[in-house]
Amino acid sequence: MASSRQSDKAQQERLQMIIAELLKDEENKYCADCDAKGPRWASWNLGVLLCIRCAGIHRGLGVHISKVKSLNLDSWEPQQVAMLKAVGNRRARQLYEANLPEFFRRPQADSALEQFIRAKYEQKRYVPSDFVPPKPDIESIKKSIAMGASSNPGGGIADIFGLSSPSTSRHLGGEINSPPRILETAQNPETPKKEVRLLNFINPLFSVYVNFI
């Protein structure tokens, strides 16, 4: 029994190292949907990394659409990490945002963001006509676990997942093989804001509230 627990713990540690490596990709440093910095959640079946706000919206889609987990607080299975590795935010945008209109403005308000996420994943409104869901390479992940994943030189788990850095947003520039350029919507500073809980989706490490327009 003790040996089994040690084996499970070792597997989780190696899977966390693989996730940490995935987070080094520039696109994975930002939420796949709203572009907020420092995603700490993921929809593993879609293969995208998310901020807590978008993760709450994904949870509302239902598990038949999106299966959400915390990157560093939940236990992971090899096939789940394999899906993140097979897709990731860069490829996900090439797939799920391939037909976005040019100069599409990525929504930031709660209701508009939810509509965008539903259109993107539930309705698949922007996917190419030859869209084929990615398939994970589970054997590769299992091999990495068996061999032992490379160690993280960057420090502790808080450093890996950016827990010491505040969430910000960035402006996407055009890249080769990237989806159409997306501009952020400016928020009206005179609009009063209210503080609400997002679908009761609170990070267990600390309470998080989101300001919506």
Protein backbone atom coordinates (compact mmCIF):
# COMPACT_ATOMS: atom_id res chain seq x y z
CA MET A 1 0.00 0.00 0.00
CA ALA A 2 2.78 2.41 0.96
CA SER A 3 4.66 1.50 -2.21
CA SER A 4 1.57 2.25 -4.30
CA ARG A 5 1.16 5.67 -2.67
CA GLN A 6 4.81 6.47 -3.30
CA SER A 7 4.42 5.46 -6.93
CA ASP A 8 1.33 7.66 -7.33
CA LYS A 9 3.14 10.57 -5.70
CA ALA A 10 6.14 10.14 -7.99
CA GLN A 11 3.83 10.06 -11.02
CA GLN A 12 2.10 13.27 -9.92
CA GLU A 13 5.44 14.99 -9.42
CA ARG A 14 6.57 14.02 -12.90
CA LEU A 15 3.28 15.09 -14.45
CA GLN A 16 3.60 18.45 -12.69
CA MET A 17 7.07 18.83 -14.18
CA ILE A 18 5.67 18.19 -17.64
CA ILE A 19 2.95 20.79 -17.04
CA ALA A 20 5.61 23.24 -15.86
CA GLU A 21 7.49 22.69 -19.13
CA LEU A 22 4.29 23.37 -21.09
CA LEU A 23 3.85 26.65 -19.24
CA LYS A 24 7.18 27.85 -20.62
CA ASP A 25 5.62 28.16 -24.08
CA GLU A 26 4.85 31.84 -24.67
CA GLU A 27 1.21 31.26 -25.66
CA ASN A 28 0.63 29.05 -22.62
CA LYS A 29 1.62 31.92 -20.34
CA TYR A 30 -1.69 33.61 -21.15
CA CYS A 31 -5.31 32.48 -20.99
CA ALA A 32 -6.48 30.89 -24.24
CA ASP A 33 -9.74 32.85 -24.23
CA CYS A 34 -9.32 36.28 -22.60
CA ASP A 35 -5.51 36.61 -22.72
CA ALA A 36 -5.09 37.18 -18.97
CA LYS A 37 -1.58 36.44 -17.74
CA GLY A 38 -0.68 33.42 -15.64
CA PRO A 39 -3.28 30.70 -16.29
CA ARG A 40 -3.60 28.27 -13.37
CA TRP A 41 -6.45 26.18 -14.72
CA ALA A 42 -6.99 24.05 -17.81
CA SER A 43 -9.68 22.38 -19.83
CA TRP A 44 -7.82 19.15 -20.33
CA ASN A 45 -10.14 17.62 -22.95
CA LEU A 46 -9.87 20.79 -25.07
CA GLY A 47 -6.17 21.10 -24.32
CA VAL A 48 -6.25 24.78 -23.33
CA LEU A 49 -4.86 26.69 -20.34
CA LEU A 50 -7.17 29.19 -18.69
CA CYS A 51 -7.43 31.96 -16.13
CA ILE A 52 -9.79 31.48 -13.20
CA ARG A 53 -12.50 33.63 -14.78
CA CYS A 54 -12.62 31.69 -18.05
CA ALA A 55 -12.28 28.42 -16.16
CA GLY A 56 -15.49 29.31 -14.35
CA ILE A 57 -17.24 29.91 -17.66
CA HIS A 58 -15.90 26.62 -19.01
CA ARG A 59 -17.26 24.82 -15.96
CA GLY A 60 -20.67 26.28 -16.80
CA LEU A 61 -20.52 24.68 -20.26
CA GLY A 62 -20.78 21.24 -18.70
CA VAL A 63 -18.30 18.37 -18.69
CA HIS A 64 -19.59 17.15 -22.05
CA ILE A 65 -17.95 20.26 -23.52
CA SER A 66 -15.12 21.21 -21.18
CA LYS A 67 -13.47 19.35 -18.30
CA VAL A 68 -11.73 21.82 -16.00
CA LYS A 69 -8.92 21.14 -13.54
CA SER A 70 -6.47 23.19 -11.52
CA LEU A 71 -2.97 22.94 -12.92
CA ASN A 72 -1.31 22.62 -9.54
CA LEU A 73 -4.03 21.70 -7.02
CA ASP A 74 -5.69 18.71 -8.70
CA SER A 75 -4.34 15.26 -9.46
CA TRP A 76 -3.64 14.57 -13.11
CA GLU A 77 -3.72 11.47 -15.28
CA PRO A 78 -1.21 10.81 -18.08
CA GLN A 79 -3.87 11.01 -20.80
CA GLN A 80 -5.01 14.41 -19.51
CA VAL A 81 -1.51 15.88 -19.57
CA ALA A 82 -0.98 14.27 -22.97
CA MET A 83 -3.95 16.25 -24.30
CA LEU A 84 -2.52 19.52 -22.98
CA LYS A 85 0.77 18.69 -24.66
CA ALA A 86 -0.93 17.72 -27.94
CA VAL A 87 -2.86 20.99 -28.16
CA GLY A 88 -1.82 23.89 -25.93
CA ASN A 89 -2.99 27.45 -26.44
CA ARG A 90 -1.06 28.10 -29.65
CA ARG A 91 -2.54 25.17 -31.55
CA ALA A 92 -5.95 25.64 -29.91
CA ARG A 93 -6.20 29.15 -31.34
CA GLN A 94 -5.19 27.89 -34.76
CA LEU A 95 -8.00 25.33 -34.51
CA TYR A 96 -10.81 27.04 -32.62
CA GLU A 97 -10.18 30.60 -33.85
CA ALA A 98 -9.15 29.89 -37.43
CA ASN A 99 -12.10 31.77 -38.92
CA LEU A 100 -12.34 34.71 -36.55
CA PRO A 101 -13.04 37.97 -38.40
CA GLU A 102 -10.01 40.18 -38.95
CA PHE A 103 -9.53 42.68 -36.11
CA PHE A 104 -12.02 40.78 -33.97
CA ARG A 105 -12.09 42.34 -30.51
CA ARG A 106 -11.59 39.77 -27.78
CA PRO A 107 -14.39 40.43 -25.27
CA GLN A 108 -13.64 41.23 -21.65
CA ALA A 109 -17.10 41.78 -20.16
CA ASP A 110 -18.53 38.66 -18.53
CA SER A 111 -21.60 38.15 -20.71
CA ALA A 112 -19.77 38.82 -23.97
CA LEU A 113 -16.88 36.59 -22.94
CA GLU A 114 -19.23 33.72 -22.16
CA GLN A 115 -20.91 34.12 -25.55
CA PHE A 116 -17.51 34.04 -27.23
CA ILE A 117 -16.41 30.93 -25.34
CA ARG A 118 -19.67 29.13 -26.16
CA ALA A 119 -19.36 30.07 -29.83
CA LYS A 120 -15.73 28.95 -29.83
CA TYR A 121 -16.03 25.53 -28.19
CA GLU A 122 -19.70 24.58 -27.97
CA GLN A 123 -20.84 25.78 -31.39
CA LYS A 124 -17.39 25.51 -33.00
CA ARG A 125 -18.27 28.60 -35.00
CA TYR A 126 -14.70 29.52 -35.94
CA VAL A 127 -13.13 26.14 -36.70
CA PRO A 128 -11.88 25.33 -40.23
CA SER A 129 -14.00 23.15 -42.48
CA ASP A 130 -11.48 20.31 -42.24
CA PHE A 131 -11.37 20.45 -38.43
CA VAL A 132 -10.19 17.22 -36.82
CA PRO A 133 -9.97 16.97 -33.00
CA PRO A 134 -6.35 16.50 -31.89
CA LYS A 135 -5.31 13.12 -30.52
CA PRO A 136 -3.00 12.92 -27.51
CA ASP A 137 0.21 10.89 -27.56
CA ILE A 138 -0.37 9.02 -24.31
CA GLU A 139 2.53 6.63 -24.81
CA SER A 140 4.97 9.53 -25.03
CA ILE A 141 3.77 10.88 -21.68
CA LYS A 142 3.96 7.45 -20.08
CA LYS A 143 7.49 7.09 -21.39
CA SER A 144 8.40 10.48 -19.90
CA ILE A 145 6.98 9.38 -16.56
CA ALA A 146 8.89 6.12 -16.66
CA MET A 147 12.16 7.84 -17.52
CA GLY A 148 11.59 10.71 -15.12
CA ALA A 149 10.73 14.20 -16.29
CA SER A 150 13.38 16.89 -16.32
CA SER A 151 13.65 18.93 -13.14
CA ASN A 152 12.39 22.50 -12.93
CA PRO A 153 15.26 25.01 -12.59
CA GLY A 154 12.96 27.92 -11.83
CA GLY A 155 12.20 27.26 -8.18
CA GLY A 156 9.16 26.15 -6.24
CA ILE A 157 5.60 25.50 -7.26
CA ALA A 158 4.62 29.14 -6.63
CA ASP A 159 7.21 30.25 -9.18
CA ILE A 160 6.11 27.64 -11.71
CA PHE A 161 2.51 28.82 -11.69
CA GLY A 162 3.19 32.52 -11.22
CA LEU A 163 1.37 32.78 -7.90
CA SER A 164 3.51 35.75 -6.95
CA SER A 165 2.60 37.72 -10.10
CA PRO A 166 -0.65 39.67 -10.56
CA SER A 167 -2.83 38.82 -13.56
CA THR A 168 -2.56 41.23 -16.44
CA SER A 169 -3.55 41.14 -20.07
CA ARG A 170 -1.49 41.55 -23.20
CA HIS A 171 -2.00 42.65 -26.74
CA LEU A 172 -1.59 39.91 -29.32
CA GLY A 173 0.59 40.78 -32.28
CA GLY A 174 0.48 39.02 -35.61
CA GLU A 175 2.58 35.88 -35.96
CA ILE A 176 3.24 33.47 -38.77
CA ASN A 177 0.72 30.63 -38.56
CA SER A 178 -1.20 32.54 -35.90
CA PRO A 179 -4.95 33.23 -35.95
CA PRO A 180 -6.17 36.71 -37.00
CA ARG A 181 -4.95 39.59 -34.89
CA ILE A 182 -7.19 40.24 -31.92
CA LEU A 183 -7.59 43.56 -30.18
CA GLU A 184 -8.68 43.92 -26.59
CA THR A 185 -11.83 45.88 -25.81
CA ALA A 186 -11.18 49.02 -23.80
CA GLN A 187 -13.23 49.28 -20.63
CA ASN A 188 -15.03 52.50 -19.72
CA PRO A 189 -13.42 53.80 -16.50
CA GLU A 190 -16.62 55.69 -15.67
CA THR A 191 -18.74 52.55 -15.68
CA PRO A 192 -19.44 51.42 -12.11
CA LYS A 193 -18.20 47.95 -11.32
CA LYS A 194 -19.70 45.37 -9.05
CA GLU A 195 -17.94 42.58 -7.27
CA VAL A 196 -19.40 39.11 -7.76
CA ARG A 197 -18.35 35.52 -7.40
CA LEU A 198 -17.93 33.76 -10.73
CA LEU A 199 -19.95 30.54 -10.67
CA ASN A 200 -18.62 29.86 -7.18
CA PHE A 201 -15.32 29.02 -8.84
CA ILE A 202 -12.84 30.07 -6.19
CA ASN A 203 -9.17 29.16 -6.09
CA PRO A 204 -8.68 27.03 -2.95
CA LEU A 205 -5.40 28.83 -2.26
CA PHE A 206 -7.08 32.17 -1.84
CA SER A 207 -10.41 33.87 -2.42
CA VAL A 208 -10.71 35.43 -5.84
CA TYR A 209 -13.34 37.88 -6.97
CA VAL A 210 -13.74 39.22 -10.48
CA ASN A 211 -14.85 42.70 -11.50
CA PHE A 212 -17.28 42.75 -14.38
CA ILE A 213 -18.59 45.70 -16.32
